[in-house]
C-alpha atoms as a PDB file:
ATOM      1  CA  MET A   1     -36.149  65.032 -30.468  1.00  0.00           C
ATOM      2  CA  ARG A   2     -37.752  65.286 -26.732  1.00  0.00           C
ATOM      3  CA  PHE A   3     -37.572  69.245 -24.588  1.00  0.00           C
ATOM      4  CA  PRO A   4     -37.962  69.921 -21.516  1.00  0.00           C
ATOM      5  CA  ARG A   5     -41.059  71.620 -20.819  1.00  0.00           C
ATOM      6  CA  ALA A   6     -38.960  74.465 -19.835  1.00  0.00           C
ATOM      7  CA  THR A   7     -36.038  75.787 -21.438  1.00  0.00           C
ATOM      8  CA  TYR A   8     -33.649  78.655 -20.273  1.00  0.00           C
ATOM      9  CA  LEU A   9     -31.214  81.138 -21.968  1.00  0.00           C
ATOM     10  CA  LEU A  10     -29.296  83.609 -22.162  1.00  0.00           C
ATOM     11  CA  LEU A  11     -28.390  85.625 -25.111  1.00  0.00           C
ATOM     12  CA  PHE A  12     -25.417  88.316 -25.121  1.00  0.00           C
ATOM     13  CA  ALA A  13     -24.826  90.797 -27.291  1.00  0.00           C
ATOM     14  CA  LYS A  14     -22.907  94.275 -27.810  1.00  0.00           C
ATOM     15  CA  THR A  15     -25.666  96.434 -28.885  1.00  0.00           C
ATOM     16  CA  GLU A  16     -29.389  96.785 -28.118  1.00  0.00           C
ATOM     17  CA  GLU A  17     -29.796  96.023 -32.323  1.00  0.00           C
ATOM     18  CA  GLY A  18     -27.991  93.066 -31.968  1.00  0.00           C
ATOM     19  CA  ILE A  19     -29.825  91.148 -29.221  1.00  0.00           C
ATOM     20  CA  GLN A  20     -32.826  92.046 -30.852  1.00  0.00           C
ATOM     21  CA  LYS A  21     -31.858  90.375 -33.567  1.00  0.00           C
ATOM     22  CA  ALA A  22     -30.434  87.232 -31.431  1.00  0.00           C
ATOM     23  CA  ALA A  23     -34.069  87.452 -29.658  1.00  0.00           C
ATOM     24  CA  GLU A  24     -35.563  87.117 -33.395  1.00  0.00           C
ATOM     25  CA  ILE A  25     -33.462  84.564 -34.623  1.00  0.00           C
ATOM     26  CA  THR A  26     -34.132  82.355 -30.975  1.00  0.00           C
ATOM     27  CA  SER A  27     -37.405  82.572 -31.230  1.00  0.00           C
ATOM     28  CA  GLU A  28     -37.726  81.377 -35.009  1.00  0.00           C
ATOM     29  CA  THR A  29     -35.197  78.915 -34.247  1.00  0.00           C
ATOM     30  CA  LEU A  30     -37.214  77.533 -31.323  1.00  0.00           C
ATOM     31  CA  GLN A  31     -41.009  78.347 -33.304  1.00  0.00           C
ATOM     32  CA  GLU A  32     -39.565  75.183 -35.841  1.00  0.00           C
ATOM     33  CA  LEU A  33     -38.911  73.056 -33.197  1.00  0.00           C
ATOM     34  CA  GLY A  34     -42.353  73.214 -31.467  1.00  0.00           C
ATOM     35  CA  LEU A  35     -41.629  75.741 -28.838  1.00  0.00           C
ATOM     36  CA  GLU A  36     -42.806  78.846 -27.228  1.00  0.00           C
ATOM     37  CA  VAL A  37     -40.789  81.906 -26.032  1.00  0.00           C
ATOM     38  CA  ALA A  38     -42.241  83.299 -22.484  1.00  0.00           C
ATOM     39  CA  MET A  39     -42.289  86.902 -22.593  1.00  0.00           C
ATOM     40  CA  GLU A  40     -43.931  87.229 -19.692  1.00  0.00           C
ATOM     41  CA  LYS A  41     -40.554  85.195 -18.069  1.00  0.00           C
ATOM     42  CA  THR A  42     -38.095  87.428 -21.146  1.00  0.00           C
ATOM     43  CA  LYS A  43     -35.820  90.521 -20.027  1.00  0.00           C
ATOM     44  CA  PHE A  44     -33.929  92.822 -21.350  1.00  0.00           C
ATOM     45  CA  VAL A  45     -30.600  94.001 -19.539  1.00  0.00           C
ATOM     46  CA  ASN A  46     -27.869  96.239 -19.409  1.00  0.00           C
ATOM     47  CA  PHE A  47     -25.324  94.114 -17.979  1.00  0.00           C
ATOM     48  CA  LYS A  48     -23.083  97.181 -18.080  1.00  0.00           C
ATOM     49  CA  ASP A  49     -25.387  99.035 -15.645  1.00  0.00           C
ATOM     50  CA  ASP A  50     -27.760  96.121 -13.488  1.00  0.00           C
ATOM     51  CA  ASP A  51     -27.318  93.423 -12.314  1.00  0.00           C
ATOM     52  CA  PHE A  52     -29.834  90.212 -12.969  1.00  0.00           C
ATOM     53  CA  ASP A  53     -30.617  86.340 -11.503  1.00  0.00           C
ATOM     54  CA  PHE A  54     -30.266  83.072 -13.419  1.00  0.00           C
ATOM     55  CA  LEU A  55     -31.042  79.543 -12.279  1.00  0.00           C
ATOM     56  CA  GLY A  56     -30.375  80.226  -9.024  1.00  0.00           C
ATOM     57  CA  PHE A  57     -27.178  82.555  -9.028  1.00  0.00           C
ATOM     58  CA  THR A  58     -27.201  86.552  -9.797  1.00  0.00           C
ATOM     59  CA  PHE A  59     -24.514  87.844 -11.978  1.00  0.00           C
ATOM     60  CA  GLU A  60     -23.841  91.143 -11.342  1.00  0.00           C
ATOM     61  CA  HIS A  61     -22.548  94.439 -14.048  1.00  0.00           C
ATOM     62  CA  TRP A  62     -19.655  94.607 -15.673  1.00  0.00           C
ATOM     63  CA  ARG A  63     -16.513  96.902 -13.403  1.00  0.00           C
ATOM     64  CA  GLU A  64     -12.889  97.787 -13.770  1.00  0.00           C
ATOM     65  CA  ARG A  65     -10.330  96.000 -11.256  1.00  0.00           C
ATOM     66  CA  LYS A  66      -8.309  99.499  -9.666  1.00  0.00           C
ATOM     67  CA  LYS A  67      -4.865  97.412 -10.105  1.00  0.00           C
ATOM     68  CA  ASP A  68      -5.288  97.579 -13.712  1.00  0.00           C
ATOM     69  CA  GLY A  69      -8.058  98.475 -15.213  1.00  0.00           C
ATOM     70  CA  LYS A  70      -9.345  94.888 -16.634  1.00  0.00           C
ATOM     71  CA  LYS A  71     -12.980  94.446 -16.890  1.00  0.00           C
ATOM     72  CA  TYR A  72     -14.647  91.967 -15.661  1.00  0.00           C
ATOM     73  CA  PHE A  73     -18.272  90.903 -13.811  1.00  0.00           C
ATOM     74  CA  VAL A  74     -19.014  88.887  -9.827  1.00  0.00           C
ATOM     75  CA  ALA A  75     -21.201  85.461 -10.507  1.00  0.00           C
ATOM     76  CA  LYS A  76     -22.576  84.013  -7.468  1.00  0.00           C
ATOM     77  CA  PRO A  77     -25.343  82.087  -5.711  1.00  0.00           C
ATOM     78  CA  LYS A  78     -28.452  83.801  -4.628  1.00  0.00           C
ATOM     79  CA  GLU A  79     -29.044  85.464  -1.441  1.00  0.00           C
ATOM     80  CA  SER A  80     -32.469  83.451  -0.775  1.00  0.00           C
ATOM     81  CA  THR A  81     -29.923  80.332  -1.937  1.00  0.00           C
ATOM     82  CA  TRP A  82     -28.721  80.516   1.635  1.00  0.00           C
ATOM     83  CA  LYS A  83     -31.794  80.731   3.079  1.00  0.00           C
ATOM     84  CA  ASP A  84     -32.752  77.440   1.047  1.00  0.00           C
ATOM     85  CA  PHE A  85     -29.285  76.014   2.596  1.00  0.00           C
ATOM     86  CA  LYS A  86     -29.681  76.792   6.275  1.00  0.00           C
ATOM     87  CA  GLN A  87     -33.061  75.648   6.429  1.00  0.00           C
ATOM     88  CA  LYS A  88     -32.113  72.367   4.613  1.00  0.00           C
ATOM     89  CA  VAL A  89     -30.153  71.523   7.204  1.00  0.00           C
ATOM     90  CA  LYS A  90     -32.549  72.748  10.450  1.00  0.00           C
ATOM     91  CA  GLU A  91     -35.128  70.385   8.660  1.00  0.00           C
ATOM     92  CA  LYS A  92     -32.056  67.389   9.403  1.00  0.00           C
ATOM     93  CA  THR A  93     -30.668  68.408  12.733  1.00  0.00           C
ATOM     94  CA  ARG A  94     -34.002  69.129  14.683  1.00  0.00           C
ATOM     95  CA  LYS A  95     -33.244  69.066  18.584  1.00  0.00           C
ATOM     96  CA  THR A  96     -36.559  66.808  19.429  1.00  0.00           C
ATOM     97  CA  LEU A  97     -34.195  63.725  17.542  1.00  0.00           C
ATOM     98  CA  THR A  98     -31.260  62.006  19.321  1.00  0.00           C
ATOM     99  CA  LEU A  99     -28.892  60.353  17.135  1.00  0.00           C
ATOM    100  CA  ASN A 100     -25.474  59.337  17.310  1.00  0.00           C
ATOM    101  CA  LYS A 101     -22.591  62.068  15.690  1.00  0.00           C
ATOM    102  CA  LYS A 102     -22.267  59.128  12.778  1.00  0.00           C
ATOM    103  CA  THR A 103     -25.989  59.333  11.953  1.00  0.00           C
ATOM    104  CA  TRP A 104     -25.913  63.033  11.953  1.00  0.00           C
ATOM    105  CA  ILE A 105     -23.491  63.471   9.954  1.00  0.00           C
ATOM    106  CA  GLU A 106     -24.914  61.416   7.276  1.00  0.00           C
ATOM    107  CA  ARG A 107     -27.834  63.214   7.284  1.00  0.00           C
ATOM    108  CA  VAL A 108     -26.153  67.001   6.627  1.00  0.00           C
ATOM    109  CA  ASN A 109     -23.725  65.744   4.260  1.00  0.00           C
ATOM    110  CA  PRO A 110     -26.067  65.424   1.134  1.00  0.00           C
ATOM    111  CA  ILE A 111     -27.260  68.448   1.485  1.00  0.00           C
ATOM    112  CA  ILE A 112     -23.822  70.553   2.161  1.00  0.00           C
ATOM    113  CA  ARG A 113     -22.693  68.530  -1.304  1.00  0.00           C
ATOM    114  CA  GLY A 114     -25.583  69.029  -3.347  1.00  0.00           C
ATOM    115  CA  LYS A 115     -25.434  72.454  -2.586  1.00  0.00           C
ATOM    116  CA  VAL A 116     -21.948  73.276  -2.981  1.00  0.00           C
ATOM    117  CA  ASN A 117     -21.995  70.666  -5.930  1.00  0.00           C
ATOM    118  CA  TYR A 118     -24.631  73.467  -7.400  1.00  0.00           C
ATOM    119  CA  PHE A 119     -22.706  76.265  -6.723  1.00  0.00           C
ATOM    120  CA  LEU A 120     -19.597  74.954  -8.951  1.00  0.00           C
ATOM    121  CA  THR A 121     -21.570  74.940 -12.243  1.00  0.00           C
ATOM    122  CA  LEU A 122     -20.009  78.285 -12.272  1.00  0.00           C
ATOM    123  CA  TYR A 123     -17.136  76.754 -11.859  1.00  0.00           C
ATOM    124  CA  HIS A 124     -17.464  73.804 -14.626  1.00  0.00           C
ATOM    125  CA  ALA A 125     -18.955  76.661 -17.042  1.00  0.00           C
ATOM    126  CA  VAL A 126     -15.766  78.604 -16.524  1.00  0.00           C
ATOM    127  CA  GLU A 127     -13.232  75.883 -17.053  1.00  0.00           C
ATOM    128  CA  GLU A 128     -15.731  73.868 -19.989  1.00  0.00           C
ATOM    129  CA  ASN A 129     -15.020  77.806 -21.610  1.00  0.00           C
ATOM    130  CA  LYS A 130     -11.428  77.937 -21.197  1.00  0.00           C
ATOM    131  CA  ARG A 131     -11.436  74.390 -23.339  1.00  0.00           C
ATOM    132  CA  HIS A 132     -12.740  76.232 -26.251  1.00  0.00           C
ATOM    133  CA  GLY A 133     -10.061  79.311 -26.106  1.00  0.00           C
ATOM    134  CA  GLN A 134     -12.733  81.193 -24.053  1.00  0.00           C
ATOM    135  CA  GLU A 135     -11.706  83.646 -21.804  1.00  0.00           C
ATOM    136  CA  SER A 136     -13.716  84.024 -19.275  1.00  0.00           C
ATOM    137  CA  HIS A 137     -14.137  87.290 -17.149  1.00  0.00           C
ATOM    138  CA  CYS A 138     -15.970  85.897 -14.392  1.00  0.00           C
ATOM    139  CA  PHE A 139     -15.357  85.849 -10.786  1.00  0.00           C
ATOM    140  CA  ILE A 140     -17.085  83.131  -9.317  1.00  0.00           C
ATOM    141  CA  ASN A 141     -15.217  83.113  -5.890  1.00  0.00           C
ATOM    142  CA  ALA A 142     -17.347  86.272  -3.914  1.00  0.00           C
ATOM    143  CA  CYS A 143     -19.438  83.765  -2.116  1.00  0.00           C
ATOM    144  CA  ARG A 144     -16.604  82.169   0.536  1.00  0.00           C
ATOM    145  CA  ASN A 145     -18.050  84.421   3.399  1.00  0.00           C
ATOM    146  CA  GLN A 146     -21.504  82.947   3.243  1.00  0.00           C
ATOM    147  CA  LEU A 147     -19.452  79.879   2.507  1.00  0.00           C
ATOM    148  CA  PHE A 148     -17.556  80.070   6.025  1.00  0.00           C
ATOM    149  CA  ASP A 149     -21.092  81.259   7.615  1.00  0.00           C
ATOM    150  CA  ILE A 150     -23.227  78.496   6.514  1.00  0.00           C
ATOM    151  CA  ASP A 151     -20.191  76.017   8.332  1.00  0.00           C
ATOM    152  CA  GLY A 152     -21.052  78.250  11.162  1.00  0.00           C
ATOM    153  CA  TYR A 153     -24.286  77.079  10.997  1.00  0.00           C
ATOM    154  CA  VAL A 154     -23.905  73.064  10.604  1.00  0.00           C
ATOM    155  CA  ARG A 155     -21.820  72.765  13.666  1.00  0.00           C
ATOM    156  CA  ARG A 156     -24.391  75.023  16.026  1.00  0.00           C
ATOM    157  CA  ARG A 157     -27.279  72.742  14.924  1.00  0.00           C
ATOM    158  CA  LEU A 158     -24.952  69.641  15.032  1.00  0.00           C
ATOM    159  CA  ARG A 159     -23.357  70.876  18.479  1.00  0.00           C
ATOM    160  CA  VAL A 160     -27.527  71.624  19.477  1.00  0.00           C
ATOM    161  CA  ALA A 161     -28.710  68.684  18.311  1.00  0.00           C
ATOM    162  CA  MET A 162     -25.918  65.725  19.451  1.00  0.00           C
ATOM    163  CA  ILE A 163     -25.886  66.887  23.001  1.00  0.00           C
ATOM    164  CA  HIS A 164     -29.178  64.707  23.641  1.00  0.00           C
ATOM    165  CA  ASP A 165     -25.953  62.059  22.980  1.00  0.00           C
ATOM    166  CA  HIS A 166     -24.190  63.338  25.375  1.00  0.00           C
ATOM    167  CA  PRO A 167     -26.021  64.377  28.059  1.00  0.00           C
ATOM    168  CA  SER A 168     -23.184  64.894  30.849  1.00  0.00           C
ATOM    169  CA  GLN A 169     -21.548  67.333  27.733  1.00  0.00           C
ATOM    170  CA  ARG A 170     -20.495  71.043  29.024  1.00  0.00           C
ATOM    171  CA  LYS A 171     -21.758  73.962  27.290  1.00  0.00           C
ATOM    172  CA  GLY A 172     -20.743  77.289  26.441  1.00  0.00           C
ATOM    173  CA  HIS A 173     -16.573  77.787  25.968  1.00  0.00           C
ATOM    174  CA  ALA A 174     -16.313  74.156  26.587  1.00  0.00           C
ATOM    175  CA  MET A 175     -18.737  73.085  24.251  1.00  0.00           C
ATOM    176  CA  THR A 176     -17.130  74.699  21.247  1.00  0.00           C
ATOM    177  CA  THR A 177     -13.914  73.471  22.442  1.00  0.00           C
ATOM    178  CA  LYS A 178     -14.352  69.908  22.441  1.00  0.00           C
ATOM    179  CA  TRP A 179     -17.058  69.724  18.820  1.00  0.00           C
ATOM    180  CA  ASN A 180     -14.370  72.099  17.127  1.00  0.00           C
ATOM    181  CA  ASN A 181     -14.461  72.422  13.701  1.00  0.00           C
ATOM    182  CA  GLU A 182     -11.624  69.811  13.211  1.00  0.00           C
ATOM    183  CA  PHE A 183     -13.321  67.705  15.674  1.00  0.00           C
ATOM    184  CA  PHE A 184     -16.780  67.994  13.057  1.00  0.00           C
ATOM    185  CA  VAL A 185     -13.786  67.680  10.169  1.00  0.00           C
ATOM    186  CA  ARG A 186     -12.492  64.457  12.005  1.00  0.00           C
ATOM    187  CA  VAL A 187     -15.686  62.166  12.215  1.00  0.00           C
ATOM    188  CA  GLY A 188     -16.879  63.040   8.802  1.00  0.00           C
ATOM    189  CA  LEU A 189     -18.438  66.333   8.341  1.00  0.00           C
ATOM    190  CA  ILE A 190     -17.685  67.813   4.537  1.00  0.00           C
ATOM    191  CA  PRO A 191     -16.874  71.513   5.573  1.00  0.00           C
ATOM    192  CA  ALA A 192     -19.145  73.569   2.511  1.00  0.00           C
ATOM    193  CA  PHE A 193     -15.793  76.113   2.419  1.00  0.00           C
ATOM    194  CA  TRP A 194     -13.475  73.232   1.626  1.00  0.00           C
ATOM    195  CA  LEU A 195     -15.493  71.260  -0.857  1.00  0.00           C
ATOM    196  CA  TYR A 196     -16.121  74.512  -3.113  1.00  0.00           C
ATOM    197  CA  TYR A 197     -12.388  75.441  -3.064  1.00  0.00           C
ATOM    198  CA  GLU A 198     -10.779  71.613  -3.183  1.00  0.00           C
ATOM    199  CA  ALA A 199     -12.540  71.049  -6.670  1.00  0.00           C
ATOM    200  CA  GLN A 200     -10.569  74.292  -7.695  1.00  0.00           C
ATOM    201  CA  TYR A 201      -7.486  73.774  -6.445  1.00  0.00           C
ATOM    202  CA  GLY A 202      -7.539  70.381  -4.751  1.00  0.00           C
ATOM    203  CA  TYR A 203      -6.952  71.690  -1.367  1.00  0.00           C
ATOM    204  CA  THR A 204      -6.911  68.564   1.456  1.00  0.00           C
ATOM    205  CA  LEU A 205      -8.980  68.563   3.947  1.00  0.00           C
ATOM    206  CA  GLU A 206      -5.578  68.914   6.134  1.00  0.00           C
ATOM    207  CA  ASN A 207      -5.121  71.895   4.346  1.00  0.00           C
ATOM    208  CA  TYR A 208      -8.147  73.441   5.563  1.00  0.00           C
ATOM    209  CA  ILE A 209      -7.695  72.309   9.400  1.00  0.00           C
ATOM    210  CA  GLN A 210      -4.832  73.933   8.749  1.00  0.00           C
ATOM    211  CA  TYR A 211      -5.752  76.979   6.800  1.00  0.00           C
ATOM    212  CA  MET A 212      -9.227  77.593   9.971  1.00  0.00           C
ATOM    213  CA  LYS A 213      -6.271  77.403  12.462  1.00  0.00           C
ATOM    214  CA  ASP A 214      -4.105  80.045  11.407  1.00  0.00           C
ATOM    215  CA  LYS A 215      -7.583  82.410  10.922  1.00  0.00           C
ATOM    216  CA  GLN A 216      -8.364  81.428  14.319  1.00  0.00           C
ATOM    217  CA  LYS A 217      -5.351  82.816  15.559  1.00  0.00           C
ATOM    218  CA  VAL A 218      -5.218  86.194  13.348  1.00  0.00           C
ATOM    219  CA  LYS A 219      -8.321  86.864  14.586  1.00  0.00           C
ATOM    220  CA  SER A 220      -7.660  86.068  18.616  1.00  0.00           C
ATOM    221  CA  THR A 221      -4.701  88.680  17.824  1.00  0.00           C
ATOM    222  CA  SER A 222      -6.710  91.229  16.756  1.00  0.00           C
ATOM    223  CA  ARG A 223      -9.409  91.029  19.357  1.00  0.00           C
ATOM    224  CA  LEU A 224      -6.290  90.913  22.011  1.00  0.00           C
ATOM    225  CA  ALA A 225      -4.955  94.229  20.311  1.00  0.00           C
ATOM    226  CA  LYS A 226      -8.380  95.859  20.366  1.00  0.00           C
ATOM    227  CA  MET A 227      -9.370  94.662  24.021  1.00  0.00           C
ATOM    228  CA  LYS A 228      -5.713  96.109  24.957  1.00  0.00           C
ATOM    229  CA  GLU A 229      -6.612  99.617  23.151  1.00  0.00           C
ATOM    230  CA  ARG A 230      -9.528  99.998  25.234  1.00  0.00           C
ATOM    231  CA  GLY A 231      -7.876  98.912  28.837  1.00  0.00           C
ATOM    232  CA  GLN A 232      -9.699  95.542  29.042  1.00  0.00           C
ATOM    233  CA  GLU A 233      -7.881  92.931  30.100  1.00  0.00           C
ATOM    234  CA  TYR A 234      -8.897  89.274  28.367  1.00  0.00           C
ATOM    235  CA  TYR A 235      -7.217  86.358  30.374  1.00  0.00           C
ATOM    236  CA  THR A 236      -9.134  87.140  33.093  1.00  0.00           C
ATOM    237  CA  PRO A 237      -8.736  84.420  36.012  1.00  0.00           C
ATOM    238  CA  GLU A 238     -12.108  83.462  35.531  1.00  0.00           C
ATOM    239  CA  ARG A 239     -11.431  83.228  31.634  1.00  0.00           C
ATOM    240  CA  VAL A 240      -8.126  80.998  31.885  1.00  0.00           C
ATOM    241  CA  ARG A 241     -10.242  78.510  33.995  1.00  0.00           C
ATOM    242  CA  LYS A 242     -12.589  77.696  31.486  1.00  0.00           C
ATOM    243  CA  MET A 243      -9.896  77.469  28.576  1.00  0.00           C
ATOM    244  CA  GLN A 244      -8.336  75.150  30.520  1.00  0.00           C
ATOM    245  CA  TYR A 245     -11.387  73.154  31.241  1.00  0.00           C
ATOM    246  CA  ALA A 246     -12.657  73.465  27.763  1.00  0.00           C
ATOM    247  CA  GLN A 247      -9.430  72.347  26.668  1.00  0.00           C
ATOM    248  CA  ARG A 248      -8.642  69.223  29.280  1.00  0.00           C
ATOM    249  CA  LEU A 249     -12.553  68.018  27.614  1.00  0.00           C
ATOM    250  CA  ALA A 250     -10.936  68.706  24.020  1.00  0.00           C
ATOM    251  CA  ILE A 251      -9.613  65.137  23.502  1.00  0.00           C
ATOM    252  CA  TYR A 252     -11.317  62.101  20.941  1.00  0.00           C
END
């Protein structure tokens, strides 16, 4: 039987004595298989109070829900994972290249799909436990804001990259209006937010587009209300002119 060079394990027990016993049994079993435990990489954690990282994920300790007192814990991608995500997208969207839309999309989609599919490891683990009759207390959807941020970052990178192939395209508001979220979905870009939740709930891309439109309306309404409270005018003649011009460009 062949094993990978490094095998990572998580052991759980309800008491300190229990985890020590589990560690001893595991160590003995590994030795029988010709493997060794790397003690310098072994860590004992009291999950009632402490968090820990494991294989690219952060597991946040037990807590209680306010509404009913039920216990749960949070598992989500590590902060460094998001930085790596953006770095990989950045490497594929260098401004020095002149490519068409299709090629740009083909460069970033595999990165998005690969990262999100890895994030979904948590979801698949929870579902596997359910199939074996084990109730899950793990909350895995604590990364929605990071997914939104990644999608926004990808669109910003693509807008700047695509301008070389569209030198007549105006920048600023005109650019973000014409090359908006829906535009990128229509030309084939995979939204990380959609891909993550589609696997769990079966949302369609049309569901996602409408959701983003509704989200933008709520955001705009909130912005207008705040400006009104401060006595500021939002729809100035200059702003209206730019918005109308941008809308005329938003045809694709």
